[in-house]
Amino acid sequence: MLQQKKPLKAIYLANDDADERMLFLSAMEELGLPVIAKAYEDGQELLNMLY
């Protein structure tokens, strides 16, 4: 029987500070959680990606 994989969770960050975005993405990668982490410069950029 085929096993279905659980879909990955997604975490989105909207933050205008490039250093904080980099730290967030680095921390998420280091934690090794089964998530997709994306960071955007601002809320509008995030909303444009979602819609």
N, C-alpha and C. Protein backbone atom coordinates (compact mmCIF):
# COMPACT_ATOMS: atom_id res chain seq x y z
N MET A 1 0.84 -1.18 0.00
CA MET A 1 0.00 0.00 0.00
C MET A 1 0.89 1.25 0.00
N LEU A 2 0.47 2.25 -0.74
CA LEU A 2 1.23 3.50 -0.81
C LEU A 2 1.04 4.31 0.46
N GLN A 3 2.14 4.82 0.98
CA GLN A 3 2.06 5.69 2.15
C GLN A 3 1.98 7.13 1.67
N GLN A 4 1.05 7.87 2.24
CA GLN A 4 0.95 9.28 1.90
C GLN A 4 1.81 10.08 2.85
N LYS A 5 2.58 11.00 2.31
CA LYS A 5 3.39 11.88 3.14
C LYS A 5 2.52 13.03 3.63
N LYS A 6 2.76 13.44 4.85
CA LYS A 6 2.07 14.62 5.37
C LYS A 6 2.58 15.84 4.61
N PRO A 7 1.69 16.74 4.24
CA PRO A 7 2.16 17.95 3.56
C PRO A 7 3.00 18.79 4.52
N LEU A 8 4.00 19.43 3.97
CA LEU A 8 4.83 20.30 4.78
C LEU A 8 4.05 21.52 5.23
N LYS A 9 4.38 22.02 6.39
CA LYS A 9 3.82 23.27 6.87
C LYS A 9 4.66 24.40 6.30
N ALA A 10 4.05 25.56 6.14
CA ALA A 10 4.77 26.72 5.63
C ALA A 10 4.75 27.83 6.68
N ILE A 11 5.89 28.48 6.84
CA ILE A 11 6.02 29.62 7.73
C ILE A 11 6.50 30.79 6.88
N TYR A 12 5.76 31.88 6.92
CA TYR A 12 6.10 33.08 6.15
C TYR A 12 6.42 34.22 7.11
N LEU A 13 7.49 34.94 6.82
CA LEU A 13 7.90 36.09 7.62
C LEU A 13 7.91 37.31 6.72
N ALA A 14 7.28 38.39 7.19
CA ALA A 14 7.36 39.68 6.51
C ALA A 14 8.11 40.62 7.43
N ASN A 15 9.30 41.05 7.00
CA ASN A 15 10.14 41.89 7.84
C ASN A 15 11.03 42.74 6.93
N ASP A 16 11.08 44.04 7.19
CA ASP A 16 11.86 44.93 6.32
C ASP A 16 13.35 44.93 6.64
N ASP A 17 13.78 44.21 7.66
CA ASP A 17 15.20 44.16 8.03
C ASP A 17 15.84 42.91 7.42
N ALA A 18 16.76 43.13 6.48
CA ALA A 18 17.39 42.02 5.76
C ALA A 18 18.16 41.09 6.70
N ASP A 19 18.81 41.65 7.71
CA ASP A 19 19.56 40.82 8.66
C ASP A 19 18.62 39.91 9.45
N GLU A 20 17.50 40.43 9.88
CA GLU A 20 16.54 39.62 10.63
C GLU A 20 15.95 38.52 9.76
N ARG A 21 15.69 38.83 8.47
CA ARG A 21 15.20 37.79 7.57
C ARG A 21 16.23 36.67 7.43
N MET A 22 17.49 37.05 7.28
CA MET A 22 18.56 36.07 7.15
C MET A 22 18.68 35.22 8.41
N LEU A 23 18.62 35.85 9.59
CA LEU A 23 18.70 35.11 10.84
C LEU A 23 17.53 34.14 10.99
N PHE A 24 16.34 34.59 10.63
CA PHE A 24 15.16 33.74 10.70
C PHE A 24 15.33 32.51 9.82
N LEU A 25 15.71 32.73 8.57
CA LEU A 25 15.86 31.60 7.64
C LEU A 25 16.98 30.66 8.09
N SER A 26 18.07 31.21 8.60
CA SER A 26 19.17 30.38 9.09
C SER A 26 18.73 29.54 10.28
N ALA A 27 18.00 30.16 11.21
CA ALA A 27 17.53 29.43 12.39
C ALA A 27 16.57 28.31 11.99
N MET A 28 15.68 28.59 11.06
CA MET A 28 14.74 27.56 10.63
C MET A 28 15.47 26.39 9.98
N GLU A 29 16.48 26.69 9.19
CA GLU A 29 17.26 25.63 8.55
C GLU A 29 18.02 24.82 9.60
N GLU A 30 18.61 25.51 10.57
CA GLU A 30 19.37 24.82 11.61
C GLU A 30 18.49 23.92 12.47
N LEU A 31 17.26 24.33 12.72
CA LEU A 31 16.36 23.52 13.53
C LEU A 31 15.98 22.21 12.83
N GLY A 32 16.02 22.21 11.52
CA GLY A 32 15.73 20.99 10.77
C GLY A 32 14.27 20.56 10.87
N LEU A 33 13.39 21.50 11.09
CA LEU A 33 11.97 21.18 11.18
C LEU A 33 11.40 20.86 9.79
N PRO A 34 10.37 20.03 9.73
CA PRO A 34 9.78 19.70 8.43
C PRO A 34 8.84 20.82 7.95
N VAL A 35 9.40 21.99 7.70
CA VAL A 35 8.62 23.14 7.26
C VAL A 35 9.31 23.82 6.09
N ILE A 36 8.53 24.57 5.36
CA ILE A 36 9.07 25.45 4.33
C ILE A 36 9.04 26.85 4.92
N ALA A 37 10.18 27.50 5.00
CA ALA A 37 10.26 28.85 5.56
C ALA A 37 10.63 29.83 4.45
N LYS A 38 9.85 30.89 4.35
CA LYS A 38 10.09 31.94 3.35
C LYS A 38 10.04 33.28 4.05
N ALA A 39 10.85 34.22 3.58
CA ALA A 39 10.87 35.56 4.17
C ALA A 39 10.69 36.59 3.06
N TYR A 40 9.94 37.63 3.37
CA TYR A 40 9.63 38.69 2.41
C TYR A 40 9.92 40.04 3.03
N GLU A 41 10.21 41.04 2.17
CA GLU A 41 10.60 42.36 2.64
C GLU A 41 9.48 43.10 3.37
N ASP A 42 8.25 42.84 2.98
CA ASP A 42 7.13 43.52 3.64
C ASP A 42 5.85 42.74 3.41
N GLY A 43 4.82 43.17 4.10
CA GLY A 43 3.54 42.48 4.01
C GLY A 43 2.96 42.49 2.61
N GLN A 44 3.17 43.58 1.88
CA GLN A 44 2.63 43.65 0.52
C GLN A 44 3.28 42.62 -0.38
N GLU A 45 4.58 42.45 -0.26
CA GLU A 45 5.28 41.44 -1.06
C GLU A 45 4.75 40.04 -0.72
N LEU A 46 4.52 39.78 0.55
CA LEU A 46 3.97 38.50 0.97
C LEU A 46 2.58 38.29 0.41
N LEU A 47 1.72 39.31 0.52
CA LEU A 47 0.36 39.19 -0.02
C LEU A 47 0.37 38.98 -1.54
N ASN A 48 1.27 39.66 -2.24
CA ASN A 48 1.38 39.47 -3.69
C ASN A 48 1.74 38.02 -4.03
N MET A 49 2.59 37.41 -3.21
CA MET A 49 2.99 36.04 -3.44
C MET A 49 1.80 35.10 -3.18
N LEU A 50 1.02 35.39 -2.14
CA LEU A 50 -0.08 34.51 -1.78
C LEU A 50 -1.25 34.61 -2.74
N TYR A 51 -1.45 35.77 -3.33
CA TYR A 51 -2.59 35.97 -4.24
C TYR A 51 -2.10 36.26 -5.58
